[in-house]
Amino acid sequence: MMDPIIFLIQALIYPGLLFAIAFIIFTQWLSRKITARIQYRRGPVYVGPAGLLQPLADLLKLVMKKDLVNKYSLRASPLIVISIVIGALITVFSVTPIAIKPLYADFDIIILLYLLLLIPFGLAYLAVAHPNPYTVIGAGRYIALLFSSEPAYAISMLVPVIIASRYFNAGYSLYPTSLVSPQLWTINPLKTLSMVLASIAGFLGLMSILMIKPFDTPEAESELYWGIFTELGGPRLALGFFAKFAEKIVYPLIYVLLFLGGAWPFNDDWILGTLVILVKTTIVFAVLTIIDASLPRYKPEQAVRYLWKYLYPLSIISLILALAP
């Protein structure tokens, strides 16, 4: 059983709430800088060294504002749901190798997928609980994207876990799978092809779930103002943004652990291995930011059609190859 002190440290400090806040501040600063460079702007400059603390200043500004909602909005339940979402995001950190003492057990990939699937549906509830023509349309588009991508994304995440469990006794668990992740690519040509297809499907799936262009139809600023976040303001908007920004580092982290080798080549050194994982996660986040800043947006029906046409076949074929003897 885990020491209660270690449990509290992992939940509240590292890799819990304080670490999540610090990493979100850094990645959002990086996102703004990359986007600004692509669009021939400067990005954050004044708050903190090189503008590094601008995301924190924006978050604090929202938190200190008055909590106002329209008369048709739900007051308590959205705050409870978004708090649960943030708790789920922080819990995911505790089952990865970056934790001081990772939590893992046989078949814990099922719990991990449940936590990952809980996050976007919590954001959808946040939108529906604050009715507005723009939020309703945005929530409808978001739910359509989720049903078009979440099952296929889950299938692609299962592929490396299945291969690792069959050949390395990983017990259908994330942590042991991440330790043997580099070896999954070299077992035999069939499994290599399965990993390639699953990695492509997984990347497309996380782009859709994270609303990265061309799949950002739920936000679509030029059409829906802020889409699912239109009716939010003050602390509610701060919580919504925090959940969204945390989601943008959790999904790349899981992708790194399953497909990009995890802590390799420093699996035996926790400090260096953790640094490698965080660097790889930051690189994946930067690639997603570049894609988001460079591509145009699909129409809602185009996005859904594309996902069903390409994402599902890739993920299903990769699963069949992973299960093949």
Protein backbone atom coordinates (compact mmCIF):
# COMPACT_ATOMS: atom_id res chain seq x y z
CA MET A 1 0.00 0.00 0.00
CA MET A 2 1.25 3.49 -0.85
CA ASP A 3 2.43 5.70 2.01
CA PRO A 4 -0.27 8.39 2.66
CA ILE A 5 2.40 11.12 2.56
CA ILE A 6 3.62 9.96 -0.87
CA PHE A 7 0.00 9.80 -2.02
CA LEU A 8 -0.66 13.41 -0.94
CA ILE A 9 2.58 14.61 -2.54
CA GLN A 10 1.66 12.93 -5.82
CA ALA A 11 -1.88 14.30 -5.72
CA LEU A 12 -1.14 17.89 -4.72
CA ILE A 13 2.46 18.63 -5.71
CA TYR A 14 4.23 16.27 -8.13
CA PRO A 15 2.98 15.01 -10.53
CA GLY A 16 -0.29 16.41 -9.22
CA LEU A 17 -1.95 19.80 -9.12
CA LEU A 18 1.05 22.12 -8.76
CA PHE A 19 3.04 20.29 -11.42
CA ALA A 20 0.04 20.36 -13.76
CA ILE A 21 -0.32 24.12 -13.26
CA ALA A 22 3.39 24.72 -13.92
CA PHE A 23 3.46 22.49 -17.01
CA ILE A 24 0.27 24.10 -18.36
CA ILE A 25 1.78 27.57 -17.92
CA PHE A 26 4.88 26.52 -19.84
CA THR A 27 3.05 24.70 -22.65
CA GLN A 28 0.55 27.52 -23.12
CA TRP A 29 3.38 30.03 -23.29
CA LEU A 30 5.09 27.79 -25.86
CA SER A 31 1.84 27.45 -27.83
CA ARG A 32 1.38 31.22 -27.95
CA LYS A 33 4.98 31.78 -29.03
CA ILE A 34 4.83 29.14 -31.78
CA THR A 35 1.49 30.44 -33.06
CA ALA A 36 2.74 34.02 -32.98
CA ARG A 37 5.87 33.09 -34.95
CA ILE A 38 3.80 31.32 -37.61
CA GLN A 39 1.48 34.33 -37.86
CA TYR A 40 4.34 36.89 -37.84
CA ARG A 41 3.57 38.18 -34.34
CA ARG A 42 5.62 38.36 -31.12
CA GLY A 43 3.36 36.57 -28.66
CA PRO A 44 3.65 37.07 -24.86
CA VAL A 45 6.47 39.47 -23.98
CA TYR A 46 5.97 41.50 -20.81
CA VAL A 47 4.76 39.30 -17.92
CA GLY A 48 7.69 37.31 -16.56
CA PRO A 49 10.89 36.33 -18.40
CA ALA A 50 10.09 36.38 -22.14
CA GLY A 51 6.38 36.57 -21.26
CA LEU A 52 6.48 33.14 -19.58
CA LEU A 53 4.01 34.09 -16.84
CA GLN A 54 1.37 35.58 -19.15
CA PRO A 55 -0.82 32.41 -19.05
CA LEU A 56 -0.72 32.51 -15.23
CA ALA A 57 -1.71 36.19 -15.25
CA ASP A 58 -4.63 35.44 -17.57
CA LEU A 59 -5.76 32.56 -15.33
CA LEU A 60 -5.59 34.67 -12.16
CA LYS A 61 -7.50 37.48 -13.86
CA LEU A 62 -10.36 35.10 -14.66
CA VAL A 63 -10.36 33.55 -11.18
CA MET A 64 -10.68 36.97 -9.50
CA LYS A 65 -13.66 38.02 -11.58
CA LYS A 66 -17.23 37.71 -10.32
CA ASP A 67 -18.99 34.43 -11.08
CA LEU A 68 -21.91 35.43 -13.31
CA VAL A 69 -24.26 33.08 -15.19
CA ASN A 70 -27.51 33.58 -17.07
CA LYS A 71 -30.79 32.54 -15.47
CA TYR A 72 -31.01 29.34 -17.53
CA SER A 73 -27.60 28.02 -16.48
CA LEU A 74 -26.99 25.37 -13.85
CA ARG A 75 -24.92 26.75 -10.99
CA ALA A 76 -23.48 23.94 -8.87
CA SER A 77 -23.30 20.83 -11.06
CA PRO A 78 -20.96 22.27 -13.75
CA LEU A 79 -18.41 23.20 -11.07
CA ILE A 80 -18.65 19.71 -9.58
CA VAL A 81 -18.29 18.01 -12.97
CA ILE A 82 -15.33 20.14 -14.10
CA SER A 83 -13.64 19.52 -10.73
CA ILE A 84 -14.05 15.78 -11.29
CA VAL A 85 -12.55 16.22 -14.78
CA ILE A 86 -9.53 18.03 -13.34
CA GLY A 87 -9.20 15.27 -10.73
CA ALA A 88 -9.27 12.65 -13.49
CA LEU A 89 -6.54 14.50 -15.39
CA ILE A 90 -4.32 14.63 -12.30
CA THR A 91 -5.01 10.96 -11.57
CA VAL A 92 -3.71 10.03 -15.03
CA PHE A 93 -0.33 11.55 -14.13
CA SER A 94 -0.12 9.19 -11.14
CA VAL A 95 -0.27 6.05 -13.30
CA THR A 96 2.60 7.12 -15.57
CA PRO A 97 6.36 6.62 -15.10
CA ILE A 98 6.84 10.32 -14.23
CA ALA A 99 5.15 9.71 -10.85
CA ILE A 100 7.36 9.23 -7.78
CA LYS A 101 5.66 5.88 -7.18
CA PRO A 102 3.48 5.00 -10.18
CA LEU A 103 0.15 3.33 -9.50
CA TYR A 104 -0.45 0.29 -11.67
CA ALA A 105 -2.23 -3.05 -11.69
CA ASP A 106 -3.28 -5.68 -14.19
CA PHE A 107 -5.90 -4.39 -16.65
CA ASP A 108 -5.55 -0.81 -15.42
CA ILE A 109 -5.66 0.31 -19.07
CA ILE A 110 -9.47 0.01 -18.70
CA ILE A 111 -9.44 2.55 -15.86
CA LEU A 112 -7.10 4.81 -17.81
CA LEU A 113 -9.37 4.78 -20.87
CA TYR A 114 -12.35 5.52 -18.62
CA LEU A 115 -10.55 8.56 -17.16
CA LEU A 116 -9.52 9.77 -20.61
CA LEU A 117 -13.07 9.36 -21.97
CA LEU A 118 -14.51 11.14 -18.93
CA ILE A 119 -12.58 14.34 -19.66
CA PRO A 120 -14.11 15.43 -23.01
CA PHE A 121 -17.62 14.48 -21.97
CA GLY A 122 -17.15 16.62 -18.85
CA LEU A 123 -16.28 19.56 -21.10
CA ALA A 124 -19.38 18.83 -23.21
CA TYR A 125 -21.53 18.89 -20.06
CA LEU A 126 -19.95 22.20 -19.07
CA ALA A 127 -21.20 23.65 -22.36
CA VAL A 128 -24.70 22.15 -22.18
CA ALA A 129 -25.13 23.35 -18.58
CA HIS A 130 -24.77 26.96 -19.77
CA PRO A 131 -27.30 27.15 -22.62
CA ASN A 132 -26.72 29.60 -25.41
CA PRO A 133 -27.27 29.18 -29.17
CA TYR A 134 -23.51 29.12 -29.75
CA THR A 135 -22.74 26.70 -26.90
CA VAL A 136 -25.52 24.33 -27.96
CA ILE A 137 -24.25 24.20 -31.54
CA GLY A 138 -20.67 23.86 -30.30
CA ALA A 139 -21.62 21.08 -27.88
CA GLY A 140 -23.49 19.24 -30.65
CA ARG A 141 -20.45 19.41 -32.91
CA TYR A 142 -18.17 18.34 -30.05
CA ILE A 143 -20.28 15.30 -29.19
CA ALA A 144 -20.42 14.34 -32.89
CA LEU A 145 -16.62 14.50 -33.01
CA LEU A 146 -16.30 12.45 -29.82
CA PHE A 147 -18.55 9.66 -31.10
CA SER A 148 -16.61 9.73 -34.37
CA SER A 149 -13.19 9.46 -32.74
CA GLU A 150 -13.26 8.20 -29.13
CA PRO A 151 -13.94 4.49 -29.84
CA ALA A 152 -11.30 4.37 -32.58
CA TYR A 153 -8.85 6.26 -30.36
CA ALA A 154 -9.43 3.75 -27.54
CA ILE A 155 -8.83 0.86 -29.95
CA SER A 156 -5.54 2.37 -31.12
CA MET A 157 -4.42 2.81 -27.49
CA LEU A 158 -5.17 -0.85 -26.80
CA VAL A 159 -2.92 -2.10 -29.61
CA PRO A 160 0.49 -1.55 -27.91
CA VAL A 161 -0.94 -2.75 -24.59
CA ILE A 162 -2.16 -5.99 -26.20
CA ILE A 163 1.18 -6.60 -27.94
CA ALA A 164 3.15 -5.86 -24.76
CA SER A 165 0.93 -8.15 -22.72
CA ARG A 166 1.25 -11.02 -25.20
CA TYR A 167 5.03 -10.85 -25.61
CA PHE A 168 6.29 -9.20 -22.39
CA ASN A 169 3.64 -10.06 -19.76
CA ALA A 170 2.67 -6.43 -19.26
CA GLY A 171 -0.66 -7.43 -17.73
CA TYR A 172 -2.66 -5.00 -19.87
CA SER A 173 -1.22 -2.16 -17.81
CA LEU A 174 0.08 1.23 -18.95
CA TYR A 175 3.21 1.42 -16.81
CA PRO A 176 4.77 -1.97 -17.79
CA THR A 177 3.78 -1.32 -21.42
CA SER A 178 5.62 2.01 -21.42
CA LEU A 179 8.79 0.27 -20.20
CA VAL A 180 8.85 -2.06 -23.23
CA SER A 181 7.38 0.42 -25.71
CA PRO A 182 10.52 0.65 -27.94
CA GLN A 183 10.63 -3.14 -28.33
CA LEU A 184 7.07 -3.35 -29.60
CA TRP A 185 8.19 -1.95 -32.96
CA THR A 186 10.70 -4.76 -33.65
CA ILE A 187 8.91 -7.99 -32.66
CA ASN A 188 8.04 -9.00 -36.23
CA PRO A 189 6.86 -7.26 -39.43
CA LEU A 190 3.19 -7.90 -38.62
CA LYS A 191 3.41 -6.24 -35.21
CA THR A 192 5.48 -3.39 -36.66
CA LEU A 193 2.73 -2.70 -39.19
CA SER A 194 0.15 -2.89 -36.41
CA MET A 195 2.10 -0.30 -34.36
CA VAL A 196 2.48 2.00 -37.37
CA LEU A 197 -1.25 1.95 -38.15
CA ALA A 198 -2.18 2.35 -34.46
CA SER A 199 0.20 5.29 -34.03
CA ILE A 200 -1.34 7.07 -37.04
CA ALA A 201 -4.88 6.35 -35.81
CA GLY A 202 -3.96 7.43 -32.28
CA PHE A 203 -2.52 10.71 -33.49
CA LEU A 204 -5.58 11.48 -35.63
CA GLY A 205 -7.80 10.54 -32.71
CA LEU A 206 -6.09 12.82 -30.22
CA MET A 207 -6.17 15.66 -32.78
CA SER A 208 -9.93 15.27 -32.99
CA ILE A 209 -10.46 14.96 -29.22
CA LEU A 210 -8.26 17.99 -28.53
CA MET A 211 -10.02 19.99 -31.27
CA ILE A 212 -6.82 20.59 -33.24
CA LYS A 213 -7.38 21.96 -36.74
CA PRO A 214 -8.85 20.76 -39.02
CA PHE A 215 -11.07 19.28 -36.26
CA ASP A 216 -11.80 22.43 -34.23
CA THR A 217 -15.40 22.76 -35.40
CA PRO A 218 -16.79 22.89 -31.80
CA GLU A 219 -14.90 26.15 -31.17
CA ALA A 220 -14.84 27.69 -34.66
CA GLU A 221 -14.30 31.29 -33.53
CA SER A 222 -15.39 32.80 -36.85
CA GLU A 223 -18.71 30.91 -36.71
CA LEU A 224 -19.53 30.27 -33.05
CA TYR A 225 -17.54 32.95 -31.22
CA TRP A 226 -16.03 30.57 -28.62
CA GLY A 227 -18.26 27.56 -29.22
CA ILE A 228 -18.55 25.42 -26.09
CA PHE A 229 -16.97 28.17 -23.97
CA THR A 230 -19.11 31.07 -25.22
CA GLU A 231 -21.36 31.41 -22.16
CA LEU A 232 -18.56 30.95 -19.60
CA GLY A 233 -16.81 33.74 -17.75
CA GLY A 234 -14.77 34.39 -14.64
CA PRO A 235 -13.90 31.34 -12.48
CA ARG A 236 -15.99 28.99 -14.63
CA LEU A 237 -14.06 29.94 -17.74
CA ALA A 238 -10.80 29.55 -15.78
CA LEU A 239 -11.77 26.01 -14.75
CA GLY A 240 -12.87 25.16 -18.29
CA PHE A 241 -9.63 26.45 -19.78
CA PHE A 242 -7.58 24.66 -17.11
CA ALA A 243 -9.28 21.36 -17.96
CA LYS A 244 -8.82 21.94 -21.68
CA PHE A 245 -5.15 22.90 -21.34
CA ALA A 246 -4.46 19.96 -19.01
CA GLU A 247 -6.10 17.67 -21.57
CA LYS A 248 -3.65 18.97 -24.17
CA ILE A 249 -0.70 17.66 -22.16
CA VAL A 250 -2.24 14.44 -20.84
CA TYR A 251 -3.14 13.00 -24.26
CA PRO A 252 0.33 13.66 -25.77
CA LEU A 253 1.87 12.16 -22.60
CA ILE A 254 -0.05 8.90 -23.06
CA TYR A 255 0.85 8.88 -26.75
CA VAL A 256 4.55 9.23 -25.87
CA LEU A 257 4.38 6.36 -23.37
CA LEU A 258 2.65 3.95 -25.75
CA PHE A 259 4.17 4.79 -29.14
CA LEU A 260 7.30 6.94 -28.76
CA GLY A 261 9.33 4.83 -26.37
CA GLY A 262 8.39 6.45 -23.08
CA ALA A 263 11.53 7.04 -21.00
CA TRP A 264 13.82 5.27 -23.48
CA PRO A 265 16.85 5.32 -23.51
CA PHE A 266 16.86 6.03 -19.74
CA ASN A 267 14.35 3.48 -18.44
CA ASP A 268 16.66 2.63 -15.50
CA ASP A 269 17.17 6.24 -14.37
CA TRP A 270 13.99 7.81 -13.03
CA ILE A 271 15.19 11.44 -13.17
CA LEU A 272 16.61 11.29 -16.70
CA GLY A 273 13.72 9.10 -17.84
CA THR A 274 11.20 11.62 -16.52
CA LEU A 275 13.01 14.45 -18.30
CA VAL A 276 12.99 12.45 -21.54
CA ILE A 277 9.25 11.80 -21.23
CA LEU A 278 8.50 15.48 -20.57
CA VAL A 279 10.69 16.59 -23.49
CA LYS A 280 8.98 14.13 -25.84
CA THR A 281 5.56 15.25 -24.58
CA THR A 282 6.52 18.89 -25.19
CA ILE A 283 7.67 18.04 -28.72
CA VAL A 284 4.37 16.28 -29.50
CA PHE A 285 2.51 19.28 -28.05
CA ALA A 286 4.60 21.63 -30.23
CA VAL A 287 3.84 19.56 -33.35
CA LEU A 288 0.11 19.73 -32.55
CA THR A 289 0.40 23.50 -32.06
CA ILE A 290 2.12 23.93 -35.44
CA ILE A 291 -0.59 21.85 -37.13
CA ASP A 292 -3.31 23.83 -35.36
CA ALA A 293 -1.81 27.16 -36.42
CA SER A 294 -1.20 26.10 -40.02
CA LEU A 295 -4.25 24.17 -41.25
CA PRO A 296 -7.72 25.43 -42.20
CA ARG A 297 -10.85 24.09 -40.56
CA TYR A 298 -13.09 21.31 -41.87
CA LYS A 299 -16.82 21.77 -42.09
CA PRO A 300 -18.54 19.71 -39.34
CA GLU A 301 -19.78 17.07 -41.78
CA GLN A 302 -16.36 16.90 -43.46
CA ALA A 303 -14.63 16.29 -40.12
CA VAL A 304 -17.03 13.48 -39.16
CA ARG A 305 -16.83 11.90 -42.62
CA TYR A 306 -13.01 12.01 -42.57
CA LEU A 307 -12.84 10.31 -39.16
CA TRP A 308 -15.20 7.51 -40.15
CA LYS A 309 -13.46 7.03 -43.49
CA TYR A 310 -9.86 6.87 -42.23
CA LEU A 311 -9.64 6.68 -38.44
CA TYR A 312 -11.85 3.63 -37.87
CA PRO A 313 -10.35 1.45 -40.64
CA LEU A 314 -6.81 2.22 -39.43
CA SER A 315 -7.58 1.42 -35.81
CA ILE A 316 -9.57 -1.74 -36.54
CA ILE A 317 -6.94 -3.13 -38.92
CA SER A 318 -4.20 -2.39 -36.38
CA LEU A 319 -6.19 -4.24 -33.70
CA ILE A 320 -6.69 -7.26 -35.95
CA LEU A 321 -2.96 -7.38 -36.69
CA ALA A 322 -2.14 -7.06 -32.98
CA LEU A 323 -4.42 -9.99 -32.14
CA ALA A 324 -3.07 -12.14 -34.98
CA PRO A 325 -0.71 -14.96 -33.90
